[in-house]
């Protein structure tokens, strides 16, 4: 067995810029915006996560409280009193929106022309 010790773990200093066509369609456009989003999430998590939950998930009943936290016992309950349907959020809500015919899964076989799209 070698006596050499590992001196670094997961140290990577290189960075790679996204392609130009990806920048125009990105939801977060740069490090400054990402830092601002993180600050907002830390400063007011209830407002931040409540807003994100409203934007991204269909709720059949809105929550009474975004977060119930018992720090002493390390117990946390998110979106108490809310009701949602996971299957509806995964599938059905896309059928009634403009995404109905967008590919949900693109399968690529070994041959280049062996492709199947599932909507």
PDB file of N, CA and C in Angstrom:
ATOM      1  N   UNK A   1       0.839  -1.175   0.000  1.00  0.00           N
ATOM      2  CA  UNK A   1       0.000   0.000   0.000  1.00  0.00           C
ATOM      3  C   UNK A   1       0.885   1.239   0.000  1.00  0.00           C
ATOM      4  N   UNK A   2       0.519   2.200  -0.817  1.00  0.00           N
ATOM      5  CA  UNK A   2       1.302   3.427  -0.914  1.00  0.00           C
ATOM      6  C   UNK A   2       1.077   4.308   0.309  1.00  0.00           C
ATOM      7  N   UNK A   3       2.112   4.985   0.729  1.00  0.00           N
ATOM      8  CA  UNK A   3       2.031   5.893   1.879  1.00  0.00           C
ATOM      9  C   UNK A   3       1.746   7.329   1.448  1.00  0.00           C
ATOM     10  N   UNK A   4       1.550   7.550   0.135  1.00  0.00           N
ATOM     11  CA  UNK A   4       1.247   8.894  -0.341  1.00  0.00           C
ATOM     12  C   UNK A   4      -0.133   9.311   0.137  1.00  0.00           C
ATOM     13  N   UNK A   5      -0.235  10.545   0.514  1.00  0.00           N
ATOM     14  CA  UNK A   5      -1.522  11.073   0.980  1.00  0.00           C
ATOM     15  C   UNK A   5      -2.140  11.982  -0.077  1.00  0.00           C
ATOM     16  N   UNK A   6      -3.432  11.973  -0.104  1.00  0.00           N
ATOM     17  CA  UNK A   6      -4.138  12.872  -1.008  1.00  0.00           C
ATOM     18  C   UNK A   6      -4.069  14.265  -0.397  1.00  0.00           C
ATOM     19  N   UNK A   7      -3.611  15.229  -1.179  1.00  0.00           N
ATOM     20  CA  UNK A   7      -3.466  16.579  -0.640  1.00  0.00           C
ATOM     21  C   UNK A   7      -4.601  17.502  -1.058  1.00  0.00           C
ATOM     22  N   UNK A   8      -5.272  17.199  -2.139  1.00  0.00           N
ATOM     23  CA  UNK A   8      -6.395  18.031  -2.559  1.00  0.00           C
ATOM     24  C   UNK A   8      -7.569  17.145  -2.950  1.00  0.00           C
ATOM     25  N   UNK A   9      -8.736  17.623  -2.648  1.00  0.00           N
ATOM     26  CA  UNK A   9      -9.961  16.927  -3.038  1.00  0.00           C
ATOM     27  C   UNK A   9     -10.848  17.892  -3.802  1.00  0.00           C
ATOM     28  N   UNK A  10     -11.194  17.515  -5.009  1.00  0.00           N
ATOM     29  CA  UNK A  10     -12.145  18.276  -5.816  1.00  0.00           C
ATOM     30  C   UNK A  10     -11.790  19.753  -5.932  1.00  0.00           C
ATOM     31  N   UNK A  11     -10.552  20.021  -6.198  1.00  0.00           N
ATOM     32  CA  UNK A  11     -10.135  21.399  -6.410  1.00  0.00           C
ATOM     33  C   UNK A  11     -10.076  21.648  -7.907  1.00  0.00           C
ATOM     34  N   UNK A  12     -10.937  22.516  -8.368  1.00  0.00           N
ATOM     35  CA  UNK A  12     -10.993  22.828  -9.793  1.00  0.00           C
ATOM     36  C   UNK A  12     -11.138  24.325  -9.934  1.00  0.00           C
ATOM     37  N   UNK A  13     -10.209  24.960 -10.602  1.00  0.00           N
ATOM     38  CA  UNK A  13     -10.214  26.417 -10.725  1.00  0.00           C
ATOM     39  C   UNK A  13     -10.626  26.881 -12.128  1.00  0.00           C
ATOM     40  N   UNK A  14     -10.714  25.943 -13.073  1.00  0.00           N
ATOM     41  CA  UNK A  14     -11.091  26.346 -14.416  1.00  0.00           C
ATOM     42  C   UNK A  14     -12.578  26.680 -14.468  1.00  0.00           C
ATOM     43  N   UNK A  15     -12.933  27.565 -15.376  1.00  0.00           N
ATOM     44  CA  UNK A  15     -14.349  27.849 -15.602  1.00  0.00           C
ATOM     45  C   UNK A  15     -14.597  27.851 -17.103  1.00  0.00           C
ATOM     46  N   UNK A  16     -15.814  27.549 -17.474  1.00  0.00           N
ATOM     47  CA  UNK A  16     -16.179  27.453 -18.873  1.00  0.00           C
ATOM     48  C   UNK A  16     -17.381  28.348 -19.125  1.00  0.00           C
ATOM     49  N   UNK A  17     -17.266  29.231 -20.077  1.00  0.00           N
ATOM     50  CA  UNK A  17     -18.352  30.134 -20.398  1.00  0.00           C
ATOM     51  C   UNK A  17     -19.392  29.397 -21.244  1.00  0.00           C
ATOM     52  N   UNK A  18     -20.670  29.711 -21.040  1.00  0.00           N
ATOM     53  CA  UNK A  18     -21.717  29.062 -21.841  1.00  0.00           C
ATOM     54  C   UNK A  18     -21.681  29.593 -23.272  1.00  0.00           C
ATOM     55  N   UNK A  19     -22.214  28.825 -24.206  1.00  0.00           N
ATOM     56  CA  UNK A  19     -22.272  29.315 -25.593  1.00  0.00           C
ATOM     57  C   UNK A  19     -23.237  30.499 -25.691  1.00  0.00           C
ATOM     58  N   UNK A  20     -23.020  31.346 -26.647  1.00  0.00           N
ATOM     59  CA  UNK A  20     -23.842  32.557 -26.813  1.00  0.00           C
ATOM     60  C   UNK A  20     -25.321  32.226 -26.966  1.00  0.00           C
ATOM     61  N   UNK A  21     -25.651  31.171 -27.728  1.00  0.00           N
ATOM     62  CA  UNK A  21     -27.062  30.841 -27.937  1.00  0.00           C
ATOM     63  C   UNK A  21     -27.716  30.370 -26.629  1.00  0.00           C
ATOM     64  N   UNK A  22     -26.947  29.878 -25.688  1.00  0.00           N
ATOM     65  CA  UNK A  22     -27.496  29.454 -24.408  1.00  0.00           C
ATOM     66  C   UNK A  22     -27.757  30.620 -23.471  1.00  0.00           C
ATOM     67  N   UNK A  23     -26.950  31.660 -23.588  1.00  0.00           N
ATOM     68  CA  UNK A  23     -27.111  32.830 -22.721  1.00  0.00           C
ATOM     69  C   UNK A  23     -28.452  33.516 -22.931  1.00  0.00           C
ATOM     70  N   UNK A  24     -28.893  33.595 -24.180  1.00  0.00           N
ATOM     71  CA  UNK A  24     -30.118  34.333 -24.478  1.00  0.00           C
ATOM     72  C   UNK A  24     -31.360  33.650 -23.918  1.00  0.00           C
ATOM     73  N   UNK A  25     -31.309  32.339 -23.703  1.00  0.00           N
ATOM     74  CA  UNK A  25     -32.489  31.632 -23.202  1.00  0.00           C
ATOM     75  C   UNK A  25     -32.342  31.203 -21.742  1.00  0.00           C
ATOM     76  N   UNK A  26     -31.280  31.628 -21.073  1.00  0.00           N
ATOM     77  CA  UNK A  26     -31.041  31.225 -19.685  1.00  0.00           C
ATOM     78  C   UNK A  26     -32.016  31.919 -18.742  1.00  0.00           C
ATOM     79  N   UNK A  27     -32.400  31.230 -17.684  1.00  0.00           N
ATOM     80  CA  UNK A  27     -33.285  31.816 -16.676  1.00  0.00           C
ATOM     81  C   UNK A  27     -32.507  32.755 -15.768  1.00  0.00           C
ATOM     82  N   UNK A  28     -31.253  32.462 -15.533  1.00  0.00           N
ATOM     83  CA  UNK A  28     -30.389  33.323 -14.725  1.00  0.00           C
ATOM     84  C   UNK A  28     -29.250  33.763 -15.628  1.00  0.00           C
ATOM     85  N   UNK A  29     -29.128  35.060 -15.811  1.00  0.00           N
ATOM     86  CA  UNK A  29     -28.194  35.595 -16.801  1.00  0.00           C
ATOM     87  C   UNK A  29     -26.963  36.220 -16.154  1.00  0.00           C
ATOM     88  N   UNK A  30     -26.179  35.416 -15.490  1.00  0.00           N
ATOM     89  CA  UNK A  30     -24.924  35.926 -14.955  1.00  0.00           C
ATOM     90  C   UNK A  30     -24.785  35.722 -13.457  1.00  0.00           C
ATOM     91  N   UNK A  31     -23.553  35.858 -13.003  1.00  0.00           N
ATOM     92  CA  UNK A  31     -23.238  35.629 -11.594  1.00  0.00           C
ATOM     93  C   UNK A  31     -23.888  36.655 -10.682  1.00  0.00           C
ATOM     94  N   UNK A  32     -23.981  37.905 -11.128  1.00  0.00           N
ATOM     95  CA  UNK A  32     -24.610  38.943 -10.295  1.00  0.00           C
ATOM     96  C   UNK A  32     -26.068  38.605 -10.012  1.00  0.00           C
ATOM     97  N   UNK A  33     -26.769  38.152 -11.039  1.00  0.00           N
ATOM     98  CA  UNK A  33     -28.177  37.772 -10.849  1.00  0.00           C
ATOM     99  C   UNK A  33     -28.292  36.546  -9.947  1.00  0.00           C
ATOM    100  N   UNK A  34     -27.401  35.580 -10.120  1.00  0.00           N
ATOM    101  CA  UNK A  34     -27.415  34.388  -9.272  1.00  0.00           C
ATOM    102  C   UNK A  34     -27.151  34.765  -7.814  1.00  0.00           C
ATOM    103  N   UNK A  35     -26.202  35.660  -7.583  1.00  0.00           N
ATOM    104  CA  UNK A  35     -25.903  36.120  -6.218  1.00  0.00           C
ATOM    105  C   UNK A  35     -27.098  36.850  -5.605  1.00  0.00           C
ATOM    106  N   UNK A  36     -27.785  37.659  -6.399  1.00  0.00           N
ATOM    107  CA  UNK A  36     -28.961  38.393  -5.904  1.00  0.00           C
ATOM    108  C   UNK A  36     -30.078  37.425  -5.526  1.00  0.00           C
ATOM    109  N   UNK A  37     -30.274  36.391  -6.326  1.00  0.00           N
ATOM    110  CA  UNK A  37     -31.300  35.386  -6.021  1.00  0.00           C
ATOM    111  C   UNK A  37     -30.955  34.662  -4.726  1.00  0.00           C
ATOM    112  N   UNK A  38     -29.700  34.274  -4.561  1.00  0.00           N
ATOM    113  CA  UNK A  38     -29.277  33.600  -3.328  1.00  0.00           C
ATOM    114  C   UNK A  38     -29.461  34.494  -2.117  1.00  0.00           C
ATOM    115  N   UNK A  39     -29.114  35.778  -2.260  1.00  0.00           N
ATOM    116  CA  UNK A  39     -29.301  36.728  -1.140  1.00  0.00           C
ATOM    117  C   UNK A  39     -30.763  36.832  -0.754  1.00  0.00           C
ATOM    118  N   UNK A  40     -31.621  36.951  -1.757  1.00  0.00           N
ATOM    119  CA  UNK A  40     -33.063  37.063  -1.477  1.00  0.00           C
ATOM    120  C   UNK A  40     -33.583  35.811  -0.776  1.00  0.00           C
ATOM    121  N   UNK A  41     -33.133  34.647  -1.218  1.00  0.00           N
ATOM    122  CA  UNK A  41     -33.568  33.387  -0.595  1.00  0.00           C
ATOM    123  C   UNK A  41     -33.114  33.317   0.859  1.00  0.00           C
ATOM    124  N   UNK A  42     -31.943  33.812   1.145  1.00  0.00           N
ATOM    125  CA  UNK A  42     -31.428  33.786   2.520  1.00  0.00           C
ATOM    126  C   UNK A  42     -32.084  34.843   3.399  1.00  0.00           C
ATOM    127  N   UNK A  43     -32.325  36.030   2.843  1.00  0.00           N
ATOM    128  CA  UNK A  43     -32.885  37.133   3.628  1.00  0.00           C
ATOM    129  C   UNK A  43     -34.358  36.938   3.944  1.00  0.00           C
ATOM    130  N   UNK A  44     -35.120  36.408   3.005  1.00  0.00           N
ATOM    131  CA  UNK A  44     -36.560  36.207   3.223  1.00  0.00           C
ATOM    132  C   UNK A  44     -36.998  34.894   2.590  1.00  0.00           C
ATOM    133  N   UNK A  45     -36.644  33.760   3.233  1.00  0.00           N
ATOM    134  CA  UNK A  45     -36.953  32.469   2.621  1.00  0.00           C
ATOM    135  C   UNK A  45     -38.447  32.219   2.416  1.00  0.00           C
ATOM    136  N   UNK A  46     -39.286  32.699   3.318  1.00  0.00           N
ATOM    137  CA  UNK A  46     -40.730  32.479   3.162  1.00  0.00           C
ATOM    138  C   UNK A  46     -41.254  33.136   1.894  1.00  0.00           C
ATOM    139  N   UNK A  47     -40.885  34.375   1.680  1.00  0.00           N
ATOM    140  CA  UNK A  47     -41.335  35.085   0.493  1.00  0.00           C
ATOM    141  C   UNK A  47     -40.726  34.470  -0.766  1.00  0.00           C
ATOM    142  N   UNK A  48     -39.428  34.175  -0.721  1.00  0.00           N
ATOM    143  CA  UNK A  48     -38.753  33.619  -1.891  1.00  0.00           C
ATOM    144  C   UNK A  48     -39.347  32.281  -2.307  1.00  0.00           C
ATOM    145  N   UNK A  49     -39.430  31.327  -1.367  1.00  0.00           N
ATOM    146  CA  UNK A  49     -39.915  29.998  -1.715  1.00  0.00           C
ATOM    147  C   UNK A  49     -41.419  29.985  -1.971  1.00  0.00           C
ATOM    148  N   UNK A  50     -42.146  30.879  -1.331  1.00  0.00           N
ATOM    149  CA  UNK A  50     -43.570  30.994  -1.631  1.00  0.00           C
ATOM    150  C   UNK A  50     -43.798  31.459  -3.060  1.00  0.00           C
ATOM    151  N   UNK A  51     -43.001  32.443  -3.488  1.00  0.00           N
ATOM    152  CA  UNK A  51     -43.113  32.945  -4.858  1.00  0.00           C
ATOM    153  C   UNK A  51     -42.713  31.863  -5.865  1.00  0.00           C
ATOM    154  N   UNK A  52     -41.632  31.155  -5.601  1.00  0.00           N
ATOM    155  CA  UNK A  52     -41.189  30.095  -6.518  1.00  0.00           C
ATOM    156  C   UNK A  52     -42.231  28.978  -6.594  1.00  0.00           C
ATOM    157  N   UNK A  53     -42.805  28.607  -5.455  1.00  0.00           N
ATOM    158  CA  UNK A  53     -43.827  27.558  -5.435  1.00  0.00           C
ATOM    159  C   UNK A  53     -45.054  27.977  -6.234  1.00  0.00           C
ATOM    160  N   UNK A  54     -45.422  29.244  -6.144  1.00  0.00           N
ATOM    161  CA  UNK A  54     -46.572  29.738  -6.917  1.00  0.00           C
ATOM    162  C   UNK A  54     -46.289  29.715  -8.407  1.00  0.00           C
ATOM    163  N   UNK A  55     -45.048  30.015  -8.793  1.00  0.00           N
ATOM    164  CA  UNK A  55     -44.686  30.068 -10.208  1.00  0.00           C
ATOM    165  C   UNK A  55     -44.558  28.687 -10.839  1.00  0.00           C
ATOM    166  N   UNK A  56     -44.068  27.718 -10.085  1.00  0.00           N
ATOM    167  CA  UNK A  56     -43.657  26.448 -10.684  1.00  0.00           C
ATOM    168  C   UNK A  56     -44.597  25.271 -10.452  1.00  0.00           C
ATOM    169  N   UNK A  57     -45.509  25.398  -9.497  1.00  0.00           N
ATOM    170  CA  UNK A  57     -46.362  24.260  -9.138  1.00  0.00           C
ATOM    171  C   UNK A  57     -47.815  24.694  -9.120  1.00  0.00           C
ATOM    172  N   UNK A  58     -48.693  23.817  -9.600  1.00  0.00           N
ATOM    173  CA  UNK A  58     -50.128  24.074  -9.502  1.00  0.00           C
ATOM    174  C   UNK A  58     -50.606  23.549  -8.152  1.00  0.00           C
ATOM    175  N   UNK A  59     -51.218  24.409  -7.373  1.00  0.00           N
ATOM    176  CA  UNK A  59     -51.713  24.033  -6.043  1.00  0.00           C
ATOM    177  C   UNK A  59     -53.231  23.960  -6.090  1.00  0.00           C
ATOM    178  N   UNK A  60     -53.808  22.878  -5.590  1.00  0.00           N
ATOM    179  CA  UNK A  60     -55.261  22.765  -5.494  1.00  0.00           C
ATOM    180  C   UNK A  60     -55.762  23.531  -4.283  1.00  0.00           C
ATOM    181  N   UNK A  61     -54.931  23.679  -3.264  1.00  0.00           N
ATOM    182  CA  UNK A  61     -55.215  24.538  -2.114  1.00  0.00           C
ATOM    183  C   UNK A  61     -53.909  25.203  -1.712  1.00  0.00           C
ATOM    184  N   UNK A  62     -53.936  26.525  -1.631  1.00  0.00           N
ATOM    185  CA  UNK A  62     -52.740  27.279  -1.260  1.00  0.00           C
ATOM    186  C   UNK A  62     -52.402  27.020   0.207  1.00  0.00           C
ATOM    187  N   UNK A  63     -51.149  27.098   0.535  1.00  0.00           N
ATOM    188  CA  UNK A  63     -50.654  26.835   1.880  1.00  0.00           C
ATOM    189  C   UNK A  63     -51.088  27.910   2.864  1.00  0.00           C
ATOM    190  N   UNK A  64     -51.137  27.514   4.134  1.00  0.00           N
ATOM    191  CA  UNK A  64     -51.390  28.466   5.208  1.00  0.00           C
ATOM    192  C   UNK A  64     -50.085  29.146   5.614  1.00  0.00           C
ATOM    193  N   UNK A  65     -49.014  28.379   5.569  1.00  0.00           N
ATOM    194  CA  UNK A  65     -47.708  28.887   5.970  1.00  0.00           C
ATOM    195  C   UNK A  65     -46.642  28.223   5.107  1.00  0.00           C
ATOM    196  N   UNK A  66     -45.678  29.014   4.622  1.00  0.00           N
ATOM    197  CA  UNK A  66     -44.625  28.457   3.775  1.00  0.00           C
ATOM    198  C   UNK A  66     -43.736  27.514   4.574  1.00  0.00           C
ATOM    199  N   UNK A  67     -43.264  27.951   5.731  1.00  0.00           N
ATOM    200  CA  UNK A  67     -42.342  27.133   6.513  1.00  0.00           C
ATOM    201  C   UNK A  67     -42.673  27.222   7.994  1.00  0.00           C
ATOM    202  N   UNK A  68     -42.849  26.065   8.599  1.00  0.00           N
ATOM    203  CA  UNK A  68     -42.954  25.971  10.054  1.00  0.00           C
ATOM    204  C   UNK A  68     -41.658  25.332  10.524  1.00  0.00           C
ATOM    205  N   UNK A  69     -40.876  26.091  11.272  1.00  0.00           N
ATOM    206  CA  UNK A  69     -39.562  25.597  11.685  1.00  0.00           C
ATOM    207  C   UNK A  69     -39.475  25.532  13.202  1.00  0.00           C
ATOM    208  N   UNK A  70     -39.035  24.383  13.685  1.00  0.00           N
ATOM    209  CA  UNK A  70     -38.715  24.205  15.097  1.00  0.00           C
ATOM    210  C   UNK A  70     -37.207  23.965  15.148  1.00  0.00           C
ATOM    211  N   UNK A  71     -36.464  25.059  15.239  1.00  0.00           N
ATOM    212  CA  UNK A  71     -35.002  24.988  15.178  1.00  0.00           C
ATOM    213  C   UNK A  71     -34.420  24.123  16.295  1.00  0.00           C
ATOM    214  N   UNK A  72     -34.999  24.198  17.481  1.00  0.00           N
ATOM    215  CA  UNK A  72     -34.464  23.454  18.625  1.00  0.00           C
ATOM    216  C   UNK A  72     -34.532  21.945  18.382  1.00  0.00           C
ATOM    217  N   UNK A  73     -35.603  21.491  17.736  1.00  0.00           N
ATOM    218  CA  UNK A  73     -35.775  20.049  17.501  1.00  0.00           C
ATOM    219  C   UNK A  73     -35.436  19.654  16.063  1.00  0.00           C
ATOM    220  N   UNK A  74     -34.973  20.623  15.272  1.00  0.00           N
ATOM    221  CA  UNK A  74     -34.603  20.387  13.874  1.00  0.00           C
ATOM    222  C   UNK A  74     -35.754  19.769  13.088  1.00  0.00           C
ATOM    223  N   UNK A  75     -36.938  20.340  13.264  1.00  0.00           N
ATOM    224  CA  UNK A  75     -38.122  19.883  12.533  1.00  0.00           C
ATOM    225  C   UNK A  75     -38.618  21.012  11.650  1.00  0.00           C
ATOM    226  N   UNK A  76     -38.861  20.678  10.403  1.00  0.00           N
ATOM    227  CA  UNK A  76     -39.290  21.671   9.432  1.00  0.00           C
ATOM    228  C   UNK A  76     -40.449  21.105   8.619  1.00  0.00           C
ATOM    229  N   UNK A  77     -41.463  21.931   8.419  1.00  0.00           N
ATOM    230  CA  UNK A  77     -42.609  21.536   7.603  1.00  0.00           C
ATOM    231  C   UNK A  77     -42.831  22.634   6.577  1.00  0.00           C
ATOM    232  N   UNK A  78     -42.786  22.248   5.318  1.00  0.00           N
ATOM    233  CA  UNK A  78     -42.941  23.197   4.232  1.00  0.00           C
ATOM    234  C   UNK A  78     -44.371  23.176   3.702  1.00  0.00           C
ATOM    235  N   UNK A  79     -44.913  24.333   3.385  1.00  0.00           N
ATOM    236  CA  UNK A  79     -46.202  24.519   2.735  1.00  0.00           C
ATOM    237  C   UNK A  79     -47.326  23.799   3.482  1.00  0.00           C
ATOM    238  N   UNK A  80     -47.409  24.069   4.775  1.00  0.00           N
ATOM    239  CA  UNK A  80     -48.416  23.404   5.603  1.00  0.00           C
ATOM    240  C   UNK A  80     -49.818  23.850   5.192  1.00  0.00           C
ATOM    241  N   UNK A  81     -50.711  22.882   5.167  1.00  0.00           N
ATOM    242  CA  UNK A  81     -52.099  23.132   4.802  1.00  0.00           C
ATOM    243  C   UNK A  81     -52.356  23.106   3.306  1.00  0.00           C
ATOM    244  N   UNK A  82     -51.305  23.004   2.502  1.00  0.00           N
ATOM    245  CA  UNK A  82     -51.470  23.026   1.048  1.00  0.00           C
ATOM    246  C   UNK A  82     -51.856  21.653   0.512  1.00  0.00           C
ATOM    247  N   UNK A  83     -52.477  21.660  -0.651  1.00  0.00           N
ATOM    248  CA  UNK A  83     -52.819  20.410  -1.324  1.00  0.00           C
ATOM    249  C   UNK A  83     -52.377  20.520  -2.774  1.00  0.00           C
ATOM    250  N   UNK A  84     -51.713  19.461  -3.239  1.00  0.00           N
ATOM    251  CA  UNK A  84     -51.326  19.374  -4.636  1.00  0.00           C
ATOM    252  C   UNK A  84     -51.452  17.939  -5.094  1.00  0.00           C
ATOM    253  N   UNK A  85     -51.409  17.762  -6.396  1.00  0.00           N
ATOM    254  CA  UNK A  85     -51.469  16.436  -6.989  1.00  0.00           C
ATOM    255  C   UNK A  85     -50.205  16.284  -7.831  1.00  0.00           C
ATOM    256  N   UNK A  86     -49.311  15.410  -7.399  1.00  0.00           N
ATOM    257  CA  UNK A  86     -48.020  15.255  -8.076  1.00  0.00           C
ATOM    258  C   UNK A  86     -48.191  14.818  -9.527  1.00  0.00           C
ATOM    259  N   UNK A  87     -49.113  13.889  -9.788  1.00  0.00           N
ATOM    260  CA  UNK A  87     -49.325  13.421 -11.160  1.00  0.00           C
ATOM    261  C   UNK A  87     -49.821  14.564 -12.044  1.00  0.00           C
ATOM    262  N   UNK A  88     -50.712  15.381 -11.520  1.00  0.00           N
ATOM    263  CA  UNK A  88     -51.202  16.529 -12.278  1.00  0.00           C
ATOM    264  C   UNK A  88     -50.049  17.458 -12.624  1.00  0.00           C
ATOM    265  N   UNK A  89     -49.174  17.738 -11.642  1.00  0.00           N
ATOM    266  CA  UNK A  89     -48.053  18.647 -11.869  1.00  0.00           C
ATOM    267  C   UNK A  89     -47.027  18.065 -12.830  1.00  0.00           C
ATOM    268  N   UNK A  90     -46.860  16.759 -12.837  1.00  0.00           N
ATOM    269  CA  UNK A  90     -45.885  16.127 -13.737  1.00  0.00           C
ATOM    270  C   UNK A  90     -46.403  16.007 -15.165  1.00  0.00           C
ATOM    271  N   UNK A  91     -47.695  15.755 -15.320  1.00  0.00           N
ATOM    272  CA  UNK A  91     -48.221  15.433 -16.653  1.00  0.00           C
ATOM    273  C   UNK A  91     -49.354  16.361 -17.082  1.00  0.00           C
ATOM    274  N   UNK A  92     -50.450  16.337 -16.335  1.00  0.00           N
ATOM    275  CA  UNK A  92     -51.690  16.958 -16.795  1.00  0.00           C
ATOM    276  C   UNK A  92     -51.579  18.463 -17.039  1.00  0.00           C
ATOM    277  N   UNK A  93     -50.891  19.191 -16.194  1.00  0.00           N
ATOM    278  CA  UNK A  93     -50.851  20.647 -16.385  1.00  0.00           C
ATOM    279  C   UNK A  93     -50.163  21.028 -17.687  1.00  0.00           C
ATOM    280  N   UNK A  94     -49.285  20.160 -18.188  1.00  0.00           N
ATOM    281  CA  UNK A  94     -48.621  20.432 -19.456  1.00  0.00           C
ATOM    282  C   UNK A  94     -49.556  20.164 -20.632  1.00  0.00           C
ATOM    283  N   UNK A  95     -50.538  19.281 -20.434  1.00  0.00           N
ATOM    284  CA  UNK A  95     -51.489  18.980 -21.500  1.00  0.00           C
ATOM    285  C   UNK A  95     -52.442  20.138 -21.762  1.00  0.00           C
ATOM    286  N   UNK A  96     -52.730  20.923 -20.724  1.00  0.00           N
ATOM    287  CA  UNK A  96     -53.664  22.037 -20.897  1.00  0.00           C
ATOM    288  C   UNK A  96     -52.937  23.343 -21.192  1.00  0.00           C
ATOM    289  N   UNK A  97     -51.620  23.295 -21.244  1.00  0.00           N
ATOM    290  CA  UNK A  97     -50.848  24.505 -21.570  1.00  0.00           C
ATOM    291  C   UNK A  97     -50.321  24.376 -22.998  1.00  0.00           C
ATOM    292  N   UNK A  98     -49.524  25.313 -23.397  1.00  0.00           N
ATOM    293  CA  UNK A  98     -48.952  25.299 -24.742  1.00  0.00           C
ATOM    294  C   UNK A  98     -47.866  24.257 -24.938  1.00  0.00           C
ATOM    295  N   UNK A  99     -47.560  23.479 -23.911  1.00  0.00           N
ATOM    296  CA  UNK A  99     -46.492  22.487 -24.014  1.00  0.00           C
ATOM    297  C   UNK A  99     -47.008  21.095 -24.382  1.00  0.00           C
ATOM    298  N   UNK A 100     -48.255  20.993 -24.738  1.00  0.00           N
ATOM    299  CA  UNK A 100     -48.888  19.696 -24.991  1.00  0.00           C
ATOM    300  C   UNK A 100     -48.133  18.859 -26.002  1.00  0.00           C
ATOM    301  N   UNK A 101     -47.603  19.449 -27.059  1.00  0.00           N
ATOM    302  CA  UNK A 101     -46.930  18.684 -28.103  1.00  0.00           C
ATOM    303  C   UNK A 101     -45.411  18.755 -28.021  1.00  0.00           C
ATOM    304  N   UNK A 102     -44.888  19.310 -26.965  1.00  0.00           N
ATOM    305  CA  UNK A 102     -43.441  19.369 -26.802  1.00  0.00           C
ATOM    306  C   UNK A 102     -42.936  18.001 -26.339  1.00  0.00           C
ATOM    307  N   UNK A 103     -41.797  17.593 -26.849  1.00  0.00           N
ATOM    308  CA  UNK A 103     -41.251  16.275 -26.498  1.00  0.00           C
ATOM    309  C   UNK A 103     -40.930  16.204 -25.009  1.00  0.00           C
ATOM    310  N   UNK A 104     -41.436  15.165 -24.372  1.00  0.00           N
ATOM    311  CA  UNK A 104     -41.149  14.920 -22.961  1.00  0.00           C
ATOM    312  C   UNK A 104     -39.923  14.029 -22.823  1.00  0.00           C
ATOM    313  N   UNK A 105     -39.728  13.171 -23.802  1.00  0.00           N
ATOM    314  CA  UNK A 105     -38.602  12.238 -23.783  1.00  0.00           C
ATOM    315  C   UNK A 105     -38.155  11.992 -25.216  1.00  0.00           C
ATOM    316  N   UNK A 106     -36.864  12.120 -25.451  1.00  0.00           N
ATOM    317  CA  UNK A 106     -36.303  11.810 -26.768  1.00  0.00           C
ATOM    318  C   UNK A 106     -35.337  10.657 -26.574  1.00  0.00           C
ATOM    319  N   UNK A 107     -35.655   9.518 -27.190  1.00  0.00           N
ATOM    320  CA  UNK A 107     -34.832   8.323 -27.053  1.00  0.00           C
ATOM    321  C   UNK A 107     -33.953   8.207 -28.290  1.00  0.00           C
ATOM    322  N   UNK A 108     -32.657   8.031 -28.087  1.00  0.00           N
ATOM    323  CA  UNK A 108     -31.693   7.887 -29.192  1.00  0.00           C
ATOM    324  C   UNK A 108     -31.120   6.492 -29.153  1.00  0.00           C
ATOM    325  N   UNK A 109     -31.311   5.741 -30.246  1.00  0.00           N
ATOM    326  CA  UNK A 109     -30.776   4.395 -30.342  1.00  0.00           C
ATOM    327  C   UNK A 109     -29.322   4.401 -30.789  1.00  0.00           C
ATOM    328  N   UNK A 110     -28.812   3.213 -31.046  1.00  0.00           N
ATOM    329  CA  UNK A 110     -27.418   3.082 -31.479  1.00  0.00           C
ATOM    330  C   UNK A 110     -27.208   3.703 -32.862  1.00  0.00           C
ATOM    331  N   UNK A 111     -28.135   3.471 -33.768  1.00  0.00           N
ATOM    332  CA  UNK A 111     -28.033   4.047 -35.105  1.00  0.00           C
ATOM    333  C   UNK A 111     -28.501   5.493 -35.052  1.00  0.00           C
ATOM    334  N   UNK A 112     -27.869   6.338 -35.841  1.00  0.00           N
ATOM    335  CA  UNK A 112     -28.165   7.769 -35.819  1.00  0.00           C
ATOM    336  C   UNK A 112     -29.633   8.068 -36.099  1.00  0.00           C
ATOM    337  N   UNK A 113     -30.240   7.322 -36.980  1.00  0.00           N
ATOM    338  CA  UNK A 113     -31.628   7.578 -37.344  1.00  0.00           C
ATOM    339  C   UNK A 113     -32.623   6.842 -36.449  1.00  0.00           C
ATOM    340  N   UNK A 114     -32.151   6.123 -35.480  1.00  0.00           N
ATOM    341  CA  UNK A 114     -33.019   5.376 -34.564  1.00  0.00           C
ATOM    342  C   UNK A 114     -33.405   6.286 -33.396  1.00  0.00           C
ATOM    343  N   UNK A 115     -34.433   7.102 -33.624  1.00  0.00           N
ATOM    344  CA  UNK A 115     -34.860   8.100 -32.647  1.00  0.00           C
ATOM    345  C   UNK A 115     -36.364   7.974 -32.435  1.00  0.00           C
ATOM    346  N   UNK A 116     -36.786   8.058 -31.187  1.00  0.00           N
ATOM    347  CA  UNK A 116     -38.214   8.065 -30.872  1.00  0.00           C
ATOM    348  C   UNK A 116     -38.506   9.231 -29.933  1.00  0.00           C
ATOM    349  N   UNK A 117     -39.553   9.967 -30.248  1.00  0.00           N
ATOM    350  CA  UNK A 117     -39.971  11.092 -29.406  1.00  0.00           C
ATOM    351  C   UNK A 117     -41.305  10.754 -28.752  1.00  0.00           C
ATOM    352  N   UNK A 118     -41.387  11.036 -27.479  1.00  0.00           N
ATOM    353  CA  UNK A 118     -42.622  10.817 -26.714  1.00  0.00           C
ATOM    354  C   UNK A 118     -43.121  12.171 -26.228  1.00  0.00           C
ATOM    355  N   UNK A 119     -44.383  12.468 -26.547  1.00  0.00           N
ATOM    356  CA  UNK A 119     -44.976  13.734 -26.109  1.00  0.00           C
ATOM    357  C   UNK A 119     -45.959  13.496 -24.996  1.00  0.00           C
TER     358      UNK A 119
END
